[in-house]
Amino acid sequence: MQLFYNPTINSTETSFIFDKEESKHIIKVLRKKENDILHVTNGLGFLFTTKIKLASDNKCTVEIVSFEQQERPKFRLHLAVAPTKMNERYEWFLEKATEIGIQEITPIICEHSERKVVKTDRFVKIIESAMKQSLHYYLPKLNEPIYFKEFVKRDFSGQKFIAHCEETDKKSLKNELQSNSDCTILIGPEGDFSVKEIQLALDANYIPVSLGSTRLRTETAAIVACHSVVYTNE
């Protein structure tokens, strides 16, 4: 099944018109024609089955034949991940985490971050594309970048973890995870969190955890954490 995404389609309508860019892609590139079926999600859990009524490359119009809503997961995974020096590594993380089943992502700027300025426009497109490819109907929320010290001041429900490389007393993430529980996990930059940042997280009741016996890159650590949470909830 090929999945299209448009945030404005909703269950109260009987028809829908794609914008010019999407219409051109549907008609000119994919060569869809009248009466062809298109599957569309609005990123809010809905899957719409539609039929093309006007095969125009300026305003492809579809009739909404039916719709269904996917149940929300019983857990919410929020990863706060420091931007990587190379943008493509962070983009890889966003793509794979979306495929696996993350719900929320926040780029955090840390003391040791080599990248302090983050533009999220391209990130949004990558997440949207990964959602469609993996047939998810909920679009993960991507927050604007925030400094670490400001992030840890915020209150989050459920379990809270910080994964760092310091040789201190840490628990195994996989042993600490609880199913059907919201979860926030902090993943640091290439240079790891500073000692001061780790202490700020501990003061905010984050539990220090290990992701395994080897040292992982930022984006790899984020994917390991993401998969651990989703696997625990399967």
Foldseek 3Di string as FASTA:
>chain_A
DFEAEDQPDDDVDFKDKDALVVLLCVCVVVVDDFQDWYWYANQQFKIWIWTFHDSDSHITMTGGPDMDGDDDALEAEEEAFAQEPDNVLVLVLLLLLLLLPHAEYEHEHAPPRPDDDDDCPVSQVSQNVSCRVNVHRHGHYYDYYYYLLVVLVDDDFWAAAEEWDDPDDAAALLVPDDASTYYYYYFYYQVTHDPVSVVSNVVSVHGYHYLDDDDDHRSVSSSSNSNSRSVNHD
